Amino acid sequence: MTGHHDPARLLPWSSADGNPCYLLGDGTGHVSRVADDIERLQLGMADDLIGHADELLACQGAGNRELRFLARGLTDSLRDVRRVAESRGERLRAVGRSPDDEGGNEGQDEGGGEGGEEA
């Protein structure tokens, strides 16, 4: 990464051997757009799965097989959503913003603005 100022982006897929994939660039290229589309798809699927989980868990007759299938889907979806969050968090930090700037630090008073005090 010598001479390269853009951060490496964690992509929403892994290599064939399960290792994370990263992209160097300014975020405007074809692969970045494909990654954005896949992240949107993953987040949409997570929303759909949450709706399905709500329905299935409300059903008294849900069987062990259905619940195990649901648990597998939720686990896979949570893994995808965590990867999206990690990728976006890394990109936010790279531009000098922290999760605190985005209201991600629960339990602290609001209205602190940028550059607030750190504990």
PDB file of N, CA and C in Angstrom:
ATOM      1  N   MET A   1       0.813  -1.192   0.000  1.00  0.00           N
ATOM      2  CA  MET A   1       0.000   0.000   0.000  1.00  0.00           C
ATOM      3  C   MET A   1       0.858   1.258   0.000  1.00  0.00           C
ATOM      4  N   THR A   2       2.089   1.165  -0.377  1.00  0.00           N
ATOM      5  CA  THR A   2       2.978   2.299  -0.416  1.00  0.00           C
ATOM      6  C   THR A   2       2.452   3.358  -1.360  1.00  0.00           C
ATOM      7  N   GLY A   3       2.331   4.593  -0.879  1.00  0.00           N
ATOM      8  CA  GLY A   3       1.863   5.688  -1.693  1.00  0.00           C
ATOM      9  C   GLY A   3       0.362   5.691  -1.938  1.00  0.00           C
ATOM     10  N   HIS A   4      -0.357   4.792  -1.342  1.00  0.00           N
ATOM     11  CA  HIS A   4      -1.802   4.692  -1.545  1.00  0.00           C
ATOM     12  C   HIS A   4      -2.491   5.240  -0.318  1.00  0.00           C
ATOM     13  N   HIS A   5      -3.337   6.266  -0.513  1.00  0.00           N
ATOM     14  CA  HIS A   5      -3.957   6.943   0.627  1.00  0.00           C
ATOM     15  C   HIS A   5      -5.361   6.463   0.936  1.00  0.00           C
ATOM     16  N   ASP A   6      -5.996   5.773   0.005  1.00  0.00           N
ATOM     17  CA  ASP A   6      -7.341   5.270   0.251  1.00  0.00           C
ATOM     18  C   ASP A   6      -7.262   4.014   1.103  1.00  0.00           C
ATOM     19  N   PRO A   7      -8.196   3.860   2.058  1.00  0.00           N
ATOM     20  CA  PRO A   7      -8.173   2.667   2.907  1.00  0.00           C
ATOM     21  C   PRO A   7      -8.581   1.426   2.125  1.00  0.00           C
ATOM     22  N   ALA A   8      -8.124   0.291   2.605  1.00  0.00           N
ATOM     23  CA  ALA A   8      -8.570  -0.980   2.032  1.00  0.00           C
ATOM     24  C   ALA A   8      -9.994  -1.222   2.511  1.00  0.00           C
ATOM     25  N   ARG A   9     -10.861  -1.605   1.594  1.00  0.00           N
ATOM     26  CA  ARG A   9     -12.263  -1.863   1.928  1.00  0.00           C
ATOM     27  C   ARG A   9     -12.463  -3.362   2.104  1.00  0.00           C
ATOM     28  N   LEU A  10     -13.036  -3.744   3.240  1.00  0.00           N
ATOM     29  CA  LEU A  10     -13.439  -5.128   3.459  1.00  0.00           C
ATOM     30  C   LEU A  10     -14.650  -5.395   2.585  1.00  0.00           C
ATOM     31  N   LEU A  11     -14.534  -6.379   1.709  1.00  0.00           N
ATOM     32  CA  LEU A  11     -15.615  -6.694   0.786  1.00  0.00           C
ATOM     33  C   LEU A  11     -16.613  -7.654   1.421  1.00  0.00           C
ATOM     34  N   PRO A  12     -17.848  -7.676   0.919  1.00  0.00           N
ATOM     35  CA  PRO A  12     -18.881  -8.519   1.531  1.00  0.00           C
ATOM     36  C   PRO A  12     -18.821  -9.979   1.093  1.00  0.00           C
ATOM     37  N   TRP A  13     -17.671 -10.432   0.654  1.00  0.00           N
ATOM     38  CA  TRP A  13     -17.498 -11.843   0.308  1.00  0.00           C
ATOM     39  C   TRP A  13     -16.107 -12.277   0.732  1.00  0.00           C
ATOM     40  N   SER A  14     -15.899 -13.572   0.779  1.00  0.00           N
ATOM     41  CA  SER A  14     -14.612 -14.154   1.168  1.00  0.00           C
ATOM     42  C   SER A  14     -13.983 -14.839  -0.028  1.00  0.00           C
ATOM     43  N   SER A  15     -12.702 -15.117   0.100  1.00  0.00           N
ATOM     44  CA  SER A  15     -12.008 -15.877  -0.939  1.00  0.00           C
ATOM     45  C   SER A  15     -12.474 -17.330  -0.885  1.00  0.00           C
ATOM     46  N   ALA A  16     -12.060 -18.118  -1.861  1.00  0.00           N
ATOM     47  CA  ALA A  16     -12.456 -19.529  -1.931  1.00  0.00           C
ATOM     48  C   ALA A  16     -12.022 -20.297  -0.686  1.00  0.00           C
ATOM     49  N   ASP A  17     -10.931 -19.874  -0.060  1.00  0.00           N
ATOM     50  CA  ASP A  17     -10.465 -20.563   1.147  1.00  0.00           C
ATOM     51  C   ASP A  17     -10.961 -19.907   2.433  1.00  0.00           C
ATOM     52  N   GLY A  18     -11.920 -18.969   2.314  1.00  0.00           N
ATOM     53  CA  GLY A  18     -12.562 -18.392   3.494  1.00  0.00           C
ATOM     54  C   GLY A  18     -11.900 -17.159   4.062  1.00  0.00           C
ATOM     55  N   ASN A  19     -10.864 -16.665   3.417  1.00  0.00           N
ATOM     56  CA  ASN A  19     -10.185 -15.465   3.911  1.00  0.00           C
ATOM     57  C   ASN A  19     -10.920 -14.214   3.464  1.00  0.00           C
ATOM     58  N   PRO A  20     -10.829 -13.137   4.252  1.00  0.00           N
ATOM     59  CA  PRO A  20     -11.490 -11.895   3.861  1.00  0.00           C
ATOM     60  C   PRO A  20     -10.853 -11.332   2.590  1.00  0.00           C
ATOM     61  N   CYS A  21     -11.663 -10.650   1.798  1.00  0.00           N
ATOM     62  CA  CYS A  21     -11.197  -9.986   0.585  1.00  0.00           C
ATOM     63  C   CYS A  21     -11.248  -8.480   0.813  1.00  0.00           C
ATOM     64  N   TYR A  22     -10.239  -7.797   0.314  1.00  0.00           N
ATOM     65  CA  TYR A  22     -10.149  -6.349   0.445  1.00  0.00           C
ATOM     66  C   TYR A  22      -9.978  -5.717  -0.930  1.00  0.00           C
ATOM     67  N   LEU A  23     -10.370  -4.460  -1.035  1.00  0.00           N
ATOM     68  CA  LEU A  23     -10.260  -3.707  -2.272  1.00  0.00           C
ATOM     69  C   LEU A  23      -9.555  -2.398  -1.979  1.00  0.00           C
ATOM     70  N   LEU A  24      -8.560  -2.085  -2.790  1.00  0.00           N
ATOM     71  CA  LEU A  24      -7.913  -0.785  -2.713  1.00  0.00           C
ATOM     72  C   LEU A  24      -8.499   0.093  -3.801  1.00  0.00           C
ATOM     73  N   GLY A  25      -8.783   1.323  -3.459  1.00  0.00           N
ATOM     74  CA  GLY A  25      -9.321   2.255  -4.436  1.00  0.00           C
ATOM     75  C   GLY A  25     -10.054   3.381  -3.757  1.00  0.00           C
ATOM     76  N   ASP A  26     -10.613   4.231  -4.586  1.00  0.00           N
ATOM     77  CA  ASP A  26     -11.291   5.411  -4.049  1.00  0.00           C
ATOM     78  C   ASP A  26     -12.780   5.197  -3.829  1.00  0.00           C
ATOM     79  N   GLY A  27     -13.276   3.985  -4.096  1.00  0.00           N
ATOM     80  CA  GLY A  27     -14.675   3.664  -3.850  1.00  0.00           C
ATOM     81  C   GLY A  27     -15.608   4.006  -4.984  1.00  0.00           C
ATOM     82  N   THR A  28     -15.058   4.344  -6.146  1.00  0.00           N
ATOM     83  CA  THR A  28     -15.907   4.740  -7.266  1.00  0.00           C
ATOM     84  C   THR A  28     -15.894   3.731  -8.413  1.00  0.00           C
ATOM     85  N   GLY A  29     -15.119   2.694  -8.319  1.00  0.00           N
ATOM     86  CA  GLY A  29     -14.977   1.742  -9.412  1.00  0.00           C
ATOM     87  C   GLY A  29     -16.073   0.686  -9.450  1.00  0.00           C
ATOM     88  N   HIS A  30     -15.972  -0.160 -10.465  1.00  0.00           N
ATOM     89  CA  HIS A  30     -16.963  -1.214 -10.695  1.00  0.00           C
ATOM     90  C   HIS A  30     -17.069  -2.169  -9.500  1.00  0.00           C
ATOM     91  N   VAL A  31     -15.949  -2.632  -8.973  1.00  0.00           N
ATOM     92  CA  VAL A  31     -15.991  -3.592  -7.865  1.00  0.00           C
ATOM     93  C   VAL A  31     -16.616  -2.955  -6.632  1.00  0.00           C
ATOM     94  N   SER A  32     -16.346  -1.680  -6.398  1.00  0.00           N
ATOM     95  CA  SER A  32     -16.979  -0.983  -5.269  1.00  0.00           C
ATOM     96  C   SER A  32     -18.489  -0.932  -5.434  1.00  0.00           C
ATOM     97  N   ARG A  33     -18.947  -0.672  -6.657  1.00  0.00           N
ATOM     98  CA  ARG A  33     -20.399  -0.629  -6.902  1.00  0.00           C
ATOM     99  C   ARG A  33     -21.026  -2.006  -6.724  1.00  0.00           C
ATOM    100  N   VAL A  34     -20.334  -3.051  -7.176  1.00  0.00           N
ATOM    101  CA  VAL A  34     -20.839  -4.415  -6.975  1.00  0.00           C
ATOM    102  C   VAL A  34     -20.908  -4.720  -5.480  1.00  0.00           C
ATOM    103  N   ALA A  35     -19.874  -4.339  -4.732  1.00  0.00           N
ATOM    104  CA  ALA A  35     -19.860  -4.564  -3.284  1.00  0.00           C
ATOM    105  C   ALA A  35     -21.004  -3.813  -2.611  1.00  0.00           C
ATOM    106  N   ASP A  36     -21.251  -2.574  -3.030  1.00  0.00           N
ATOM    107  CA  ASP A  36     -22.376  -1.804  -2.475  1.00  0.00           C
ATOM    108  C   ASP A  36     -23.701  -2.518  -2.738  1.00  0.00           C
ATOM    109  N   ASP A  37     -23.869  -3.023  -3.965  1.00  0.00           N
ATOM    110  CA  ASP A  37     -25.103  -3.741  -4.320  1.00  0.00           C
ATOM    111  C   ASP A  37     -25.275  -4.996  -3.471  1.00  0.00           C
ATOM    112  N   ILE A  38     -24.192  -5.734  -3.274  1.00  0.00           N
ATOM    113  CA  ILE A  38     -24.265  -6.965  -2.469  1.00  0.00           C
ATOM    114  C   ILE A  38     -24.578  -6.628  -1.017  1.00  0.00           C
ATOM    115  N   GLU A  39     -23.971  -5.574  -0.483  1.00  0.00           N
ATOM    116  CA  GLU A  39     -24.281  -5.163   0.891  1.00  0.00           C
ATOM    117  C   GLU A  39     -25.758  -4.803   1.031  1.00  0.00           C
ATOM    118  N   ARG A  40     -26.291  -4.049   0.059  1.00  0.00           N
ATOM    119  CA  ARG A  40     -27.727  -3.709   0.101  1.00  0.00           C
ATOM    120  C   ARG A  40     -28.578  -4.973   0.071  1.00  0.00           C
ATOM    121  N   LEU A  41     -28.201  -5.920  -0.776  1.00  0.00           N
ATOM    122  CA  LEU A  41     -28.924  -7.189  -0.865  1.00  0.00           C
ATOM    123  C   LEU A  41     -28.863  -7.943   0.461  1.00  0.00           C
ATOM    124  N   GLN A  42     -27.688  -8.009   1.069  1.00  0.00           N
ATOM    125  CA  GLN A  42     -27.534  -8.710   2.344  1.00  0.00           C
ATOM    126  C   GLN A  42     -28.370  -8.060   3.437  1.00  0.00           C
ATOM    127  N   LEU A  43     -28.379  -6.741   3.495  1.00  0.00           N
ATOM    128  CA  LEU A  43     -29.173  -6.050   4.512  1.00  0.00           C
ATOM    129  C   LEU A  43     -30.662  -6.244   4.263  1.00  0.00           C
ATOM    130  N   GLY A  44     -31.081  -6.234   3.013  1.00  0.00           N
ATOM    131  CA  GLY A  44     -32.484  -6.496   2.682  1.00  0.00           C
ATOM    132  C   GLY A  44     -32.903  -7.907   3.050  1.00  0.00           C
ATOM    133  N   MET A  45     -32.019  -8.867   2.776  1.00  0.00           N
ATOM    134  CA  MET A  45     -32.315 -10.254   3.142  1.00  0.00           C
ATOM    135  C   MET A  45     -32.409 -10.402   4.655  1.00  0.00           C
ATOM    136  N   ALA A  46     -31.577  -9.660   5.392  1.00  0.00           N
ATOM    137  CA  ALA A  46     -31.642  -9.703   6.856  1.00  0.00           C
ATOM    138  C   ALA A  46     -33.000  -9.190   7.340  1.00  0.00           C
ATOM    139  N   ASP A  47     -33.480  -8.106   6.736  1.00  0.00           N
ATOM    140  CA  ASP A  47     -34.806  -7.594   7.093  1.00  0.00           C
ATOM    141  C   ASP A  47     -35.889  -8.631   6.829  1.00  0.00           C
ATOM    142  N   ASP A  48     -35.823  -9.268   5.661  1.00  0.00           N
ATOM    143  CA  ASP A  48     -36.808 -10.300   5.319  1.00  0.00           C
ATOM    144  C   ASP A  48     -36.752 -11.459   6.303  1.00  0.00           C
ATOM    145  N   LEU A  49     -35.546 -11.859   6.675  1.00  0.00           N
ATOM    146  CA  LEU A  49     -35.384 -12.984   7.588  1.00  0.00           C
ATOM    147  C   LEU A  49     -35.904 -12.648   8.982  1.00  0.00           C
ATOM    148  N   ILE A  50     -35.721 -11.418   9.405  1.00  0.00           N
ATOM    149  CA  ILE A  50     -36.262 -10.997  10.703  1.00  0.00           C
ATOM    150  C   ILE A  50     -37.785 -11.105  10.685  1.00  0.00           C
ATOM    151  N   GLY A  51     -38.397 -10.686   9.588  1.00  0.00           N
ATOM    152  CA  GLY A  51     -39.846 -10.807   9.458  1.00  0.00           C
ATOM    153  C   GLY A  51     -40.299 -12.261   9.507  1.00  0.00           C
ATOM    154  N   HIS A  52     -39.563 -13.122   8.811  1.00  0.00           N
ATOM    155  CA  HIS A  52     -39.882 -14.555   8.829  1.00  0.00           C
ATOM    156  C   HIS A  52     -39.715 -15.126  10.239  1.00  0.00           C
ATOM    157  N   ALA A  53     -38.660 -14.711  10.921  1.00  0.00           N
ATOM    158  CA  ALA A  53     -38.421 -15.192  12.285  1.00  0.00           C
ATOM    159  C   ALA A  53     -39.559 -14.776  13.208  1.00  0.00           C
ATOM    160  N   ASP A  54     -40.000 -13.529  13.087  1.00  0.00           N
ATOM    161  CA  ASP A  54     -41.122 -13.067  13.913  1.00  0.00           C
ATOM    162  C   ASP A  54     -42.364 -13.932  13.701  1.00  0.00           C
ATOM    163  N   GLU A  55     -42.661 -14.224  12.430  1.00  0.00           N
ATOM    164  CA  GLU A  55     -43.834 -15.047  12.105  1.00  0.00           C
ATOM    165  C   GLU A  55     -43.674 -16.474  12.640  1.00  0.00           C
ATOM    166  N   LEU A  56     -42.513 -17.066  12.419  1.00  0.00           N
ATOM    167  CA  LEU A  56     -42.299 -18.451  12.837  1.00  0.00           C
ATOM    168  C   LEU A  56     -42.319 -18.581  14.359  1.00  0.00           C
ATOM    169  N   LEU A  57     -41.715 -17.635  15.034  1.00  0.00           N
ATOM    170  CA  LEU A  57     -41.685 -17.703  16.494  1.00  0.00           C
ATOM    171  C   LEU A  57     -43.059 -17.442  17.106  1.00  0.00           C
ATOM    172  N   ALA A  58     -43.924 -16.749  16.389  1.00  0.00           N
ATOM    173  CA  ALA A  58     -45.289 -16.534  16.872  1.00  0.00           C
ATOM    174  C   ALA A  58     -46.159 -17.771  16.674  1.00  0.00           C
ATOM    175  N   CYS A  59     -45.705 -18.670  15.833  1.00  0.00           N
ATOM    176  CA  CYS A  59     -46.456 -19.893  15.528  1.00  0.00           C
ATOM    177  C   CYS A  59     -46.171 -20.952  16.591  1.00  0.00           C
ATOM    178  N   GLN A  60     -47.201 -21.397  17.270  1.00  0.00           N
ATOM    179  CA  GLN A  60     -47.041 -22.410  18.318  1.00  0.00           C
ATOM    180  C   GLN A  60     -46.621 -23.765  17.762  1.00  0.00           C
ATOM    181  N   GLY A  61     -46.918 -24.021  16.491  1.00  0.00           N
ATOM    182  CA  GLY A  61     -46.635 -25.331  15.914  1.00  0.00           C
ATOM    183  C   GLY A  61     -45.287 -25.441  15.218  1.00  0.00           C
ATOM    184  N   ALA A  62     -44.404 -24.458  15.381  1.00  0.00           N
ATOM    185  CA  ALA A  62     -43.094 -24.515  14.733  1.00  0.00           C
ATOM    186  C   ALA A  62     -42.299 -25.694  15.282  1.00  0.00           C
ATOM    187  N   GLY A  63     -41.798 -26.497  14.386  1.00  0.00           N
ATOM    188  CA  GLY A  63     -41.053 -27.684  14.788  1.00  0.00           C
ATOM    189  C   GLY A  63     -39.566 -27.436  14.935  1.00  0.00           C
ATOM    190  N   ASN A  64     -38.897 -28.423  15.496  1.00  0.00           N
ATOM    191  CA  ASN A  64     -37.466 -28.340  15.726  1.00  0.00           C
ATOM    192  C   ASN A  64     -36.707 -28.108  14.414  1.00  0.00           C
ATOM    193  N   ARG A  65     -37.093 -28.795  13.362  1.00  0.00           N
ATOM    194  CA  ARG A  65     -36.414 -28.667  12.070  1.00  0.00           C
ATOM    195  C   ARG A  65     -36.548 -27.240  11.537  1.00  0.00           C
ATOM    196  N   GLU A  66     -37.751 -26.675  11.635  1.00  0.00           N
ATOM    197  CA  GLU A  66     -37.977 -25.307  11.163  1.00  0.00           C
ATOM    198  C   GLU A  66     -37.168 -24.299  11.987  1.00  0.00           C
ATOM    199  N   LEU A  67     -37.138 -24.507  13.296  1.00  0.00           N
ATOM    200  CA  LEU A  67     -36.406 -23.589  14.156  1.00  0.00           C
ATOM    201  C   LEU A  67     -34.897 -23.677  13.925  1.00  0.00           C
ATOM    202  N   ARG A  68     -34.396 -24.884  13.670  1.00  0.00           N
ATOM    203  CA  ARG A  68     -32.968 -25.045  13.371  1.00  0.00           C
ATOM    204  C   ARG A  68     -32.623 -24.372  12.042  1.00  0.00           C
ATOM    205  N   PHE A  69     -33.492 -24.514  11.043  1.00  0.00           N
ATOM    206  CA  PHE A  69     -33.285 -23.871   9.754  1.00  0.00           C
ATOM    207  C   PHE A  69     -33.282 -22.346   9.922  1.00  0.00           C
ATOM    208  N   LEU A  70     -34.219 -21.845  10.729  1.00  0.00           N
ATOM    209  CA  LEU A  70     -34.279 -20.424  11.011  1.00  0.00           C
ATOM    210  C   LEU A  70     -33.001 -19.964  11.716  1.00  0.00           C
ATOM    211  N   ALA A  71     -32.551 -20.723  12.696  1.00  0.00           N
ATOM    212  CA  ALA A  71     -31.326 -20.354  13.429  1.00  0.00           C
ATOM    213  C   ALA A  71     -30.128 -20.300  12.485  1.00  0.00           C
ATOM    214  N   ARG A  72     -30.041 -21.242  11.560  1.00  0.00           N
ATOM    215  CA  ARG A  72     -28.943 -21.238  10.585  1.00  0.00           C
ATOM    216  C   ARG A  72     -29.021 -19.991   9.720  1.00  0.00           C
ATOM    217  N   GLY A  73     -30.220 -19.664   9.222  1.00  0.00           N
ATOM    218  CA  GLY A  73     -30.386 -18.469   8.393  1.00  0.00           C
ATOM    219  C   GLY A  73     -30.048 -17.195   9.146  1.00  0.00           C
ATOM    220  N   LEU A  74     -30.491 -17.099  10.392  1.00  0.00           N
ATOM    221  CA  LEU A  74     -30.196 -15.920  11.209  1.00  0.00           C
ATOM    222  C   LEU A  74     -28.702 -15.799  11.477  1.00  0.00           C
ATOM    223  N   THR A  75     -28.043 -16.922  11.736  1.00  0.00           N
ATOM    224  CA  THR A  75     -26.606 -16.915  11.979  1.00  0.00           C
ATOM    225  C   THR A  75     -25.848 -16.438  10.747  1.00  0.00           C
ATOM    226  N   ASP A  76     -26.209 -16.972   9.584  1.00  0.00           N
ATOM    227  CA  ASP A  76     -25.560 -16.556   8.339  1.00  0.00           C
ATOM    228  C   ASP A  76     -25.804 -15.078   8.066  1.00  0.00           C
ATOM    229  N   SER A  77     -27.028 -14.635   8.282  1.00  0.00           N
ATOM    230  CA  SER A  77     -27.373 -13.237   8.046  1.00  0.00           C
ATOM    231  C   SER A  77     -26.646 -12.315   9.019  1.00  0.00           C
ATOM    232  N   LEU A  78     -26.573 -12.711  10.273  1.00  0.00           N
ATOM    233  CA  LEU A  78     -25.863 -11.906  11.264  1.00  0.00           C
ATOM    234  C   LEU A  78     -24.390 -11.782  10.897  1.00  0.00           C
ATOM    235  N   ARG A  79     -23.812 -12.836  10.407  1.00  0.00           N
ATOM    236  CA  ARG A  79     -22.414 -12.813   9.965  1.00  0.00           C
ATOM    237  C   ARG A  79     -22.240 -11.803   8.822  1.00  0.00           C
ATOM    238  N   ASP A  80     -23.158 -11.821   7.857  1.00  0.00           N
ATOM    239  CA  ASP A  80     -23.095 -10.877   6.741  1.00  0.00           C
ATOM    240  C   ASP A  80     -23.248  -9.437   7.217  1.00  0.00           C
ATOM    241  N   VAL A  81     -24.219  -9.193   8.080  1.00  0.00           N
ATOM    242  CA  VAL A  81     -24.484  -7.842   8.569  1.00  0.00           C
ATOM    243  C   VAL A  81     -23.305  -7.337   9.407  1.00  0.00           C
ATOM    244  N   ARG A  82     -22.704  -8.218  10.192  1.00  0.00           N
ATOM    245  CA  ARG A  82     -21.518  -7.823  10.974  1.00  0.00           C
ATOM    246  C   ARG A  82     -20.382  -7.410  10.037  1.00  0.00           C
ATOM    247  N   ARG A  83     -20.189  -8.147   8.944  1.00  0.00           N
ATOM    248  CA  ARG A  83     -19.132  -7.818   7.981  1.00  0.00           C
ATOM    249  C   ARG A  83     -19.415  -6.455   7.331  1.00  0.00           C
ATOM    250  N   VAL A  84     -20.673  -6.181   6.993  1.00  0.00           N
ATOM    251  CA  VAL A  84     -21.034  -4.881   6.425  1.00  0.00           C
ATOM    252  C   VAL A  84     -20.712  -3.782   7.448  1.00  0.00           C
ATOM    253  N   ALA A  85     -21.075  -4.010   8.693  1.00  0.00           N
ATOM    254  CA  ALA A  85     -20.817  -3.017   9.740  1.00  0.00           C
ATOM    255  C   ALA A  85     -19.320  -2.793   9.927  1.00  0.00           C
ATOM    256  N   GLU A  86     -18.538  -3.855   9.927  1.00  0.00           N
ATOM    257  CA  GLU A  86     -17.084  -3.724  10.065  1.00  0.00           C
ATOM    258  C   GLU A  86     -16.515  -2.923   8.904  1.00  0.00           C
ATOM    259  N   SER A  87     -16.948  -3.246   7.697  1.00  0.00           N
ATOM    260  CA  SER A  87     -16.449  -2.552   6.514  1.00  0.00           C
ATOM    261  C   SER A  87     -16.786  -1.074   6.570  1.00  0.00           C
ATOM    262  N   ARG A  88     -18.022  -0.768   6.902  1.00  0.00           N
ATOM    263  CA  ARG A  88     -18.438   0.637   6.954  1.00  0.00           C
ATOM    264  C   ARG A  88     -17.762   1.373   8.102  1.00  0.00           C
ATOM    265  N   GLY A  89     -17.579   0.692   9.222  1.00  0.00           N
ATOM    266  CA  GLY A  89     -16.879   1.307  10.349  1.00  0.00           C
ATOM    267  C   GLY A  89     -15.440   1.634  10.012  1.00  0.00           C
ATOM    268  N   GLU A  90     -14.766   0.736   9.310  1.00  0.00           N
ATOM    269  CA  GLU A  90     -13.386   0.986   8.903  1.00  0.00           C
ATOM    270  C   GLU A  90     -13.310   2.188   7.963  1.00  0.00           C
ATOM    271  N   ARG A  91     -14.263   2.290   7.047  1.00  0.00           N
ATOM    272  CA  ARG A  91     -14.252   3.416   6.115  1.00  0.00           C
ATOM    273  C   ARG A  91     -14.561   4.731   6.825  1.00  0.00           C
ATOM    274  N   LEU A  92     -15.444   4.696   7.824  1.00  0.00           N
ATOM    275  CA  LEU A  92     -15.732   5.919   8.589  1.00  0.00           C
ATOM    276  C   LEU A  92     -14.500   6.367   9.370  1.00  0.00           C
ATOM    277  N   ARG A  93     -13.821   5.427  10.006  1.00  0.00           N
ATOM    278  CA  ARG A  93     -12.616   5.776  10.758  1.00  0.00           C
ATOM    279  C   ARG A  93     -11.539   6.335   9.836  1.00  0.00           C
ATOM    280  N   ALA A  94     -11.482   5.823   8.616  1.00  0.00           N
ATOM    281  CA  ALA A  94     -10.462   6.263   7.672  1.00  0.00           C
ATOM    282  C   ALA A  94     -10.643   7.716   7.252  1.00  0.00           C
ATOM    283  N   VAL A  95     -11.851   8.221   7.337  1.00  0.00           N
ATOM    284  CA  VAL A  95     -12.085   9.620   6.981  1.00  0.00           C
ATOM    285  C   VAL A  95     -12.143  10.507   8.218  1.00  0.00           C
ATOM    286  N   GLY A  96     -11.718   9.976   9.364  1.00  0.00           N
ATOM    287  CA  GLY A  96     -11.579  10.778  10.566  1.00  0.00           C
ATOM    288  C   GLY A  96     -12.808  10.885  11.432  1.00  0.00           C
ATOM    289  N   ARG A  97     -13.821  10.039  11.160  1.00  0.00           N
ATOM    290  CA  ARG A  97     -15.009  10.030  12.000  1.00  0.00           C
ATOM    291  C   ARG A  97     -14.996   8.769  12.830  1.00  0.00           C
ATOM    292  N   SER A  98     -15.604   8.846  13.988  1.00  0.00           N
ATOM    293  CA  SER A  98     -15.678   7.685  14.863  1.00  0.00           C
ATOM    294  C   SER A  98     -17.133   7.263  15.016  1.00  0.00           C
ATOM    295  N   PRO A  99     -17.373   6.031  15.517  1.00  0.00           N
ATOM    296  CA  PRO A  99     -18.756   5.619  15.787  1.00  0.00           C
ATOM    297  C   PRO A  99     -19.472   6.576  16.730  1.00  0.00           C
ATOM    298  N   ASP A 100     -18.730   7.251  17.636  1.00  0.00           N
ATOM    299  CA  ASP A 100     -19.345   8.217  18.550  1.00  0.00           C
ATOM    300  C   ASP A 100     -19.968   9.366  17.769  1.00  0.00           C
ATOM    301  N   ASP A 101     -19.323   9.762  16.666  1.00  0.00           N
ATOM    302  CA  ASP A 101     -19.846  10.854  15.854  1.00  0.00           C
ATOM    303  C   ASP A 101     -21.169  10.482  15.211  1.00  0.00           C
ATOM    304  N   GLU A 102     -21.435   9.200  15.051  1.00  0.00           N
ATOM    305  CA  GLU A 102     -22.655   8.720  14.418  1.00  0.00           C
ATOM    306  C   GLU A 102     -23.711   8.320  15.441  1.00  0.00           C
ATOM    307  N   GLY A 103     -23.511   8.683  16.700  1.00  0.00           N
ATOM    308  CA  GLY A 103     -24.480   8.342  17.731  1.00  0.00           C
ATOM    309  C   GLY A 103     -24.367   6.899  18.176  1.00  0.00           C
ATOM    310  N   GLY A 104     -23.212   6.267  17.918  1.00  0.00           N
ATOM    311  CA  GLY A 104     -23.049   4.863  18.226  1.00  0.00           C
ATOM    312  C   GLY A 104     -22.642   4.576  19.648  1.00  0.00           C
ATOM    313  N   ASN A 105     -22.402   5.596  20.441  1.00  0.00           N
ATOM    314  CA  ASN A 105     -21.967   5.395  21.808  1.00  0.00           C
ATOM    315  C   ASN A 105     -23.154   5.621  22.734  1.00  0.00           C
ATOM    316  N   GLU A 106     -23.849   4.544  23.037  1.00  0.00           N
ATOM    317  CA  GLU A 106     -25.038   4.641  23.870  1.00  0.00           C
ATOM    318  C   GLU A 106     -24.649   4.940  25.306  1.00  0.00           C
ATOM    319  N   GLY A 107     -25.538   5.621  25.997  1.00  0.00           N
ATOM    320  CA  GLY A 107     -25.319   5.875  27.409  1.00  0.00           C
ATOM    321  C   GLY A 107     -24.659   7.211  27.683  1.00  0.00           C
ATOM    322  N   GLN A 108     -24.206   7.923  26.628  1.00  0.00           N
ATOM    323  CA  GLN A 108     -23.631   9.231  26.831  1.00  0.00           C
ATOM    324  C   GLN A 108     -24.649  10.281  26.442  1.00  0.00           C
ATOM    325  N   ASP A 109     -24.484  11.480  26.984  1.00  0.00           N
ATOM    326  CA  ASP A 109     -25.391  12.578  26.664  1.00  0.00           C
ATOM    327  C   ASP A 109     -25.268  12.937  25.196  1.00  0.00           C
ATOM    328  N   GLU A 110     -26.395  13.273  24.589  1.00  0.00           N
ATOM    329  CA  GLU A 110     -26.392  13.706  23.209  1.00  0.00           C
ATOM    330  C   GLU A 110     -26.050  15.183  23.145  1.00  0.00           C
ATOM    331  N   GLY A 111     -25.740  15.646  21.938  1.00  0.00           N
ATOM    332  CA  GLY A 111     -25.474  17.052  21.753  1.00  0.00           C
ATOM    333  C   GLY A 111     -24.026  17.418  21.998  1.00  0.00           C
ATOM    334  N   GLY A 112     -23.137  16.452  22.109  1.00  0.00           N
ATOM    335  CA  GLY A 112     -21.732  16.721  22.363  1.00  0.00           C
ATOM    336  C   GLY A 112     -21.011  17.282  21.165  1.00  0.00           C
ATOM    337  N   GLY A 113     -21.526  17.050  19.957  1.00  0.00           N
ATOM    338  CA  GLY A 113     -20.885  17.571  18.762  1.00  0.00           C
ATOM    339  C   GLY A 113     -19.611  16.819  18.452  1.00  0.00           C
ATOM    340  N   GLU A 114     -18.931  17.277  17.404  1.00  0.00           N
ATOM    341  CA  GLU A 114     -17.691  16.624  16.993  1.00  0.00           C
ATOM    342  C   GLU A 114     -16.581  16.996  17.938  1.00  0.00           C
ATOM    343  N   GLY A 115     -15.630  16.069  18.081  1.00  0.00           N
ATOM    344  CA  GLY A 115     -14.453  16.331  18.896  1.00  0.00           C
ATOM    345  C   GLY A 115     -14.753  16.365  20.364  1.00  0.00           C
ATOM    346  N   GLY A 116     -15.762  15.657  20.812  1.00  0.00           N
ATOM    347  CA  GLY A 116     -16.119  15.622  22.225  1.00  0.00           C
ATOM    348  C   GLY A 116     -15.025  15.003  23.067  1.00  0.00           C
ATOM    349  N   GLU A 117     -15.148  15.142  24.347  1.00  0.00           N
ATOM    350  CA  GLU A 117     -14.145  14.616  25.264  1.00  0.00           C
ATOM    351  C   GLU A 117     -14.182  13.096  25.286  1.00  0.00           C
ATOM    352  N   GLU A 118     -13.001  12.540  25.445  1.00  0.00           N
ATOM    353  CA  GLU A 118     -12.903  11.082  25.577  1.00  0.00           C
ATOM    354  C   GLU A 118     -12.629  10.740  27.023  1.00  0.00           C
ATOM    355  N   ALA A 119     -13.129   9.598  27.441  1.00  0.00           N
ATOM    356  CA  ALA A 119     -12.928   9.160  28.831  1.00  0.00           C
ATOM    357  C   ALA A 119     -11.552   8.618  29.022  1.00  0.00           C
TER     358      ALA A 119
END
